[in-house]
C-alpha atoms as a PDB file:
ATOM      1  CA  MET A   1       0.000   0.000   0.000  1.00  0.00           C
ATOM      2  CA  ALA A   2       1.216   3.493  -0.813  1.00  0.00           C
ATOM      3  CA  GLU A   3       2.344   5.904   1.833  1.00  0.00           C
ATOM      4  CA  ILE A   4      -0.177   8.645   2.562  1.00  0.00           C
ATOM      5  CA  ILE A   5       1.262  12.140   2.271  1.00  0.00           C
ATOM      6  CA  ASN A   6      -0.077  15.536   3.127  1.00  0.00           C
ATOM      7  CA  PHE A   7       0.252  17.663  -0.015  1.00  0.00           C
ATOM      8  CA  ASN A   8       0.370  20.896   1.965  1.00  0.00           C
ATOM      9  CA  LYS A   9       3.322  19.657   4.043  1.00  0.00           C
ATOM     10  CA  ALA A  10       5.054  18.321   0.920  1.00  0.00           C
ATOM     11  CA  ARG A  11       4.623  21.668  -0.850  1.00  0.00           C
ATOM     12  CA  LYS A  12       5.997  23.568   2.134  1.00  0.00           C
ATOM     13  CA  ALA A  13       8.936  21.160   2.493  1.00  0.00           C
ATOM     14  CA  ARG A  14       9.817  21.569  -1.193  1.00  0.00           C
ATOM     15  CA  ALA A  15       9.634  25.381  -0.893  1.00  0.00           C
ATOM     16  CA  LYS A  16      11.853  25.243   2.202  1.00  0.00           C
ATOM     17  CA  ALA A  17      14.408  23.124   0.356  1.00  0.00           C
ATOM     18  CA  GLU A  18      14.451  25.489  -2.655  1.00  0.00           C
ATOM     19  CA  LYS A  19      14.826  28.637  -0.560  1.00  0.00           C
ATOM     20  CA  PRO A  20      18.622  28.397  -0.006  1.00  0.00           C
ATOM     21  CA  ILE A  21      19.159  27.768  -3.717  1.00  0.00           C
ATOM     22  CA  ARG A  22      17.126  30.844  -4.626  1.00  0.00           C
ATOM     23  CA  ALA A  23      18.978  32.873  -1.987  1.00  0.00           C
ATOM     24  CA  GLN A  24      22.340  31.839  -3.460  1.00  0.00           C
ATOM     25  CA  GLU A  25      21.207  32.892  -6.950  1.00  0.00           C
ATOM     26  CA  ASN A  26      20.007  36.250  -5.644  1.00  0.00           C
ATOM     27  CA  ARG A  27      23.289  36.856  -3.798  1.00  0.00           C
ATOM     28  CA  ALA A  28      25.167  36.232  -7.026  1.00  0.00           C
ATOM     29  CA  ARG A  29      22.822  38.434  -9.057  1.00  0.00           C
ATOM     30  CA  PHE A  30      22.197  41.355  -6.706  1.00  0.00           C
ATOM     31  CA  GLY A  31      24.861  41.097  -4.024  1.00  0.00           C
ATOM     32  CA  ARG A  32      27.418  43.389  -5.596  1.00  0.00           C
ATOM     33  CA  THR A  33      28.737  46.691  -4.354  1.00  0.00           C
ATOM     34  CA  LYS A  34      28.067  49.946  -6.136  1.00  0.00           C
ATOM     35  CA  ALA A  35      31.720  50.134  -7.198  1.00  0.00           C
ATOM     36  CA  GLU A  36      31.557  46.649  -8.738  1.00  0.00           C
ATOM     37  CA  LYS A  37      28.416  47.585 -10.666  1.00  0.00           C
ATOM     38  CA  GLN A  38      29.997  50.797 -11.936  1.00  0.00           C
ATOM     39  CA  ALA A  39      33.197  48.986 -12.933  1.00  0.00           C
ATOM     40  CA  GLU A  40      31.220  46.402 -14.887  1.00  0.00           C
ATOM     41  CA  ALA A  41      29.162  49.112 -16.606  1.00  0.00           C
ATOM     42  CA  ALA A  42      32.344  51.001 -17.537  1.00  0.00           C
ATOM     43  CA  GLU A  43      33.896  47.810 -18.935  1.00  0.00           C
ATOM     44  CA  LYS A  44      30.777  47.086 -21.009  1.00  0.00           C
ATOM     45  CA  ALA A  45      30.774  50.655 -22.316  1.00  0.00           C
ATOM     46  CA  ARG A  46      34.481  50.408 -23.205  1.00  0.00           C
ATOM     47  CA  ILE A  47      33.918  47.162 -25.105  1.00  0.00           C
ATOM     48  CA  ALA A  48      30.888  48.584 -26.935  1.00  0.00           C
ATOM     49  CA  LYS A  49      32.857  51.707 -27.921  1.00  0.00           C
ATOM     50  CA  ALA A  50      35.770  49.601 -29.159  1.00  0.00           C
ATOM     51  CA  LEU A  51      33.396  47.559 -31.313  1.00  0.00           C
ATOM     52  CA  ASP A  52      31.692  50.655 -32.699  1.00  0.00           C
ATOM     53  CA  ASP A  53      35.014  52.320 -33.453  1.00  0.00           C
ATOM     54  CA  ALA A  54      36.252  49.216 -35.291  1.00  0.00           C
ATOM     55  CA  ARG A  55      33.101  48.918 -37.387  1.00  0.00           C
ATOM     56  CA  ARG A  56      33.523  49.636 -41.068  1.00  0.00           C
ATOM     57  CA  ASP A  57      30.711  51.406 -42.886  1.00  0.00           C
END
């Protein structure tokens, strides 16, 4: 005979298990300092300018 499970408890347990994974993703995505964000934006702008300058019309 199959084991009886409570779907509400299973749903909450799954959400609790996924929470640290989601937190790690958010730390990687949003957990940067203002200086790091500005440095990355400056690097992207420099690369874009280099590509535009090298483009032949």
